[in-house]
Protein backbone atom coordinates (compact mmCIF):
# COMPACT_ATOMS: atom_id res chain seq x y z
CA MET A 1 138.62 81.26 31.93
CA ASP A 2 141.78 83.19 31.73
CA SER A 3 142.13 86.66 33.33
CA GLU A 4 143.16 88.12 29.96
CA ASP A 5 139.88 87.03 28.43
CA ILE A 6 137.88 88.92 31.10
CA TYR A 7 139.71 92.20 30.46
CA GLU A 8 139.33 91.87 26.69
CA ASN A 9 135.58 92.11 26.96
CA VAL A 10 135.61 95.28 29.09
CA PRO A 11 135.33 98.40 26.91
CA ASN A 12 138.23 100.83 27.21
CA ASN A 13 137.07 104.25 28.45
CA ASN A 14 140.16 106.23 27.55
CA SER A 15 139.32 109.90 27.87
CA LYS A 16 141.57 110.82 24.98
CA ASP A 17 139.44 108.82 22.58
CA THR A 18 136.08 110.03 23.93
CA PRO A 19 134.50 113.13 22.36
CA GLY A 20 132.73 115.67 24.62
CA PRO A 21 133.61 117.60 27.79
CA ARG A 22 136.36 116.28 29.95
CA THR A 23 135.93 115.92 33.67
CA GLN A 24 138.59 116.47 36.28
CA ASN A 25 139.85 113.56 38.22
CA HIS A 26 139.14 113.18 41.95
CA SER A 27 142.45 114.65 43.17
CA GLN A 28 141.88 117.87 41.16
CA ASP A 29 138.36 118.24 42.62
CA GLU A 30 139.72 117.92 46.16
CA GLY A 31 142.26 120.69 45.58
CA LYS A 32 139.62 123.07 44.26
CA ASP A 33 137.23 122.30 47.15
CA GLY A 34 140.10 122.78 49.61
CA LYS A 35 140.84 126.24 48.18
CA CYS A 36 137.19 127.19 48.27
CA ARG A 37 136.81 125.98 51.81
CA GLY A 38 140.02 127.77 52.74
CA ARG A 39 138.70 131.09 51.44
CA TRP A 40 135.45 130.66 53.34
CA CYS A 41 137.38 129.71 56.42
CA LEU A 42 139.49 132.85 56.09
CA VAL A 43 136.41 135.05 55.60
CA LEU A 44 134.61 133.40 58.50
CA THR A 45 137.66 133.73 60.75
CA THR A 46 138.06 137.40 59.82
CA VAL A 47 134.38 138.12 60.50
CA CYS A 48 134.55 136.28 63.84
CA LEU A 49 137.68 138.16 64.90
CA GLY A 50 136.03 141.44 63.89
CA LEU A 51 132.94 140.60 65.98
CA ILE A 52 135.12 139.63 68.94
CA CYS A 53 136.95 142.97 68.66
CA VAL A 54 133.65 144.87 68.57
CA ILE A 55 132.30 142.92 71.58
CA LEU A 56 135.52 143.54 73.52
CA LEU A 57 135.39 147.24 72.67
CA VAL A 58 131.78 147.45 73.87
CA PHE A 59 132.66 145.50 77.03
CA ILE A 60 135.65 147.76 77.81
CA THR A 61 133.56 150.88 77.18
CA LEU A 62 130.78 149.63 79.47
CA GLN A 63 133.32 148.75 82.16
CA TYR A 64 134.82 152.25 81.92
CA ILE A 65 131.38 153.83 82.20
CA ASN A 66 130.50 151.55 85.12
CA ILE A 67 133.76 152.31 86.96
CA THR A 68 133.29 156.05 86.36
CA TYR A 69 129.69 155.85 87.58
CA LEU A 70 130.65 153.89 90.70
CA THR A 71 133.49 156.27 91.47
CA GLU A 72 131.23 159.30 91.18
CA THR A 73 128.27 157.84 93.04
CA ASN A 74 130.03 155.67 95.62
CA ALA A 75 130.13 158.55 98.07
CA LYS A 76 126.94 160.02 96.56
CA LEU A 77 128.58 163.39 96.16
CA ILE A 78 126.14 166.22 95.55
CA LYS A 79 127.12 169.82 94.85
CA ASP A 80 125.06 172.65 96.30
CA PRO A 81 124.83 175.84 94.21
CA GLY A 82 126.69 177.62 97.04
CA GLN A 83 129.86 175.54 96.33
CA VAL A 84 129.24 173.23 99.28
CA PHE A 85 129.64 169.50 98.72
CA PHE A 86 127.47 166.86 100.35
CA SER A 87 128.32 163.21 100.70
CA MET A 88 126.14 160.42 102.04
CA SER A 89 127.54 157.31 103.71
CA ASN A 90 126.88 153.87 102.26
CA GLU A 91 126.76 152.15 105.64
CA GLU A 92 124.69 152.67 108.75
CA MET A 93 126.41 153.96 111.90
CA ASN A 94 125.51 155.58 115.18
CA TRP A 95 125.74 159.36 115.46
CA SER A 96 129.31 159.48 116.87
CA GLU A 97 130.60 157.02 114.26
CA SER A 98 128.84 159.05 111.59
CA ARG A 99 130.55 162.21 112.72
CA GLN A 100 133.92 160.46 112.67
CA TYR A 101 133.12 159.09 109.21
CA CYS A 102 132.63 162.66 107.96
CA ARG A 103 135.75 163.95 109.73
CA ASP A 104 137.82 161.18 108.15
CA ARG A 105 136.77 162.68 104.81
CA GLU A 106 137.75 166.22 105.84
CA ALA A 107 134.09 167.15 106.33
CA ASP A 108 131.51 167.11 109.12
CA LEU A 109 127.86 166.24 109.56
CA VAL A 110 125.63 168.68 107.71
CA ILE A 111 124.47 171.93 109.33
CA ILE A 112 121.12 173.33 108.17
CA HIS A 113 120.28 176.94 108.98
CA THR A 114 117.96 177.85 106.08
CA GLU A 115 114.79 176.47 104.56
CA GLU A 116 116.44 176.61 101.13
CA LYS A 117 119.21 174.28 102.28
CA GLN A 118 116.69 172.04 104.07
CA LYS A 119 114.64 171.66 100.87
CA PHE A 120 117.77 171.10 98.76
CA ILE A 121 119.05 168.30 101.00
CA SER A 122 115.60 166.72 101.32
CA SER A 123 115.31 166.69 97.52
CA PHE A 124 118.15 164.20 96.99
CA ILE A 125 118.10 162.18 100.23
CA LYS A 126 116.00 159.03 99.86
CA GLU A 127 116.44 157.54 103.34
CA ARG A 128 116.93 158.59 106.97
CA VAL A 129 120.28 160.24 107.74
CA TRP A 130 122.04 161.79 110.72
CA ILE A 131 122.60 165.55 110.58
CA GLY A 132 125.05 167.56 112.64
CA LEU A 133 122.65 168.50 115.43
CA SER A 134 122.59 167.00 118.92
CA ASP A 135 122.28 167.77 122.60
CA GLU A 136 124.84 165.24 123.75
CA ASN A 137 126.04 167.60 126.48
CA LYS A 138 122.48 167.66 127.87
CA SER A 139 122.01 171.35 127.33
CA ASN A 140 120.63 173.06 124.26
CA LEU A 141 120.62 171.53 120.79
CA THR A 142 123.99 172.39 119.27
CA TRP A 143 125.38 172.03 115.75
CA VAL A 144 128.73 170.35 115.19
CA ASP A 145 130.31 173.81 114.74
CA ASN A 146 129.12 174.63 118.31
CA SER A 147 126.48 177.09 117.13
CA LEU A 148 123.08 176.87 118.80
CA LEU A 149 119.94 175.88 116.97
CA ASN A 150 117.96 179.01 116.04
CA HIS A 151 115.33 177.49 113.80
CA GLY A 152 114.45 173.82 113.27
CA PHE A 153 112.54 171.87 110.66
CA TRP A 154 110.82 169.47 113.04
CA ASP A 155 108.17 166.96 112.10
CA LYS A 156 104.90 167.42 114.00
CA GLY A 157 105.33 166.50 117.67
CA GLU A 158 109.14 166.50 117.52
CA PRO A 159 111.42 166.63 119.43
CA ASN A 160 109.57 164.36 121.78
CA SER A 161 111.92 162.49 124.10
CA LEU A 162 114.49 163.36 126.72
CA ASP A 163 116.61 160.28 125.96
CA GLU A 164 116.75 160.96 122.20
CA ASN A 165 119.65 163.39 121.86
CA CYS A 166 120.66 163.17 118.19
CA ILE A 167 118.76 164.41 115.17
CA GLU A 168 117.93 162.66 111.92
CA LEU A 169 116.49 164.00 108.69
CA ASP A 170 113.77 161.63 107.41
CA PRO A 171 112.60 162.53 103.87
CA GLY A 172 109.68 160.12 104.28
CA ARG A 173 108.11 162.66 106.65
CA GLY A 174 107.92 165.40 104.03
CA PRO A 175 110.15 167.82 102.11
CA VAL A 176 110.64 170.48 104.79
CA LYS A 177 109.47 169.54 108.28
CA ASN A 178 111.17 166.17 108.58
CA TRP A 179 113.55 166.26 111.55
CA ASN A 180 113.20 163.67 114.28
CA ASP A 181 115.12 163.10 117.50
CA LEU A 182 116.56 159.61 118.04
CA GLN A 183 118.80 157.82 120.48
CA CYS A 184 122.37 158.47 119.35
CA SER A 185 123.16 154.75 119.47
CA GLN A 186 120.81 153.91 116.59
CA ASN A 187 122.44 152.99 113.28
CA ILE A 188 121.39 154.92 110.18
CA LYS A 189 123.28 156.54 107.32
CA CYS A 190 124.65 160.06 107.55
CA ILE A 191 125.13 163.10 105.36
CA CYS A 192 128.41 165.01 105.40
CA GLU A 193 129.15 168.53 104.21
CA LYS A 194 132.41 170.00 103.04
């Protein structure tokens, strides 16, 4: 059989001669799908970029808040109504190192003469701290400003030892009567006053 004979028997599907709706050829369908996909890609990209911007804005805002919080609380600065500022150390030191820590910050260990101040300090201190009272010179208890102790807020049975010459405030012992004498070489945090 001849190749011409085979093609003679195949019906001719010429779209010009066929009544009814015309369909697009394959290359036209690809172009339309490409445009449709392109639009969706553009919308999806825009939405993703918008979400990334929002997430970055939230992240930057949280970082700013975190940095501000850390800056304000790093030294745990507390303001007394009498315009006195208190600062608590973040690290534990002996009494002499604690005093130097305060002096390096243009302050000194806290001096407590009144019950009001004692209650105020005890209200925000959550752990044991050195205060500015000692008898390092083996005489009377003396504040860091060289004034003598007139009235103390001692825990029951304190002071109790001749070799414990520095004083801590321990809020775990109560809100008012919470002073304890310790050896000055012990390491605890301190509270400074400016």
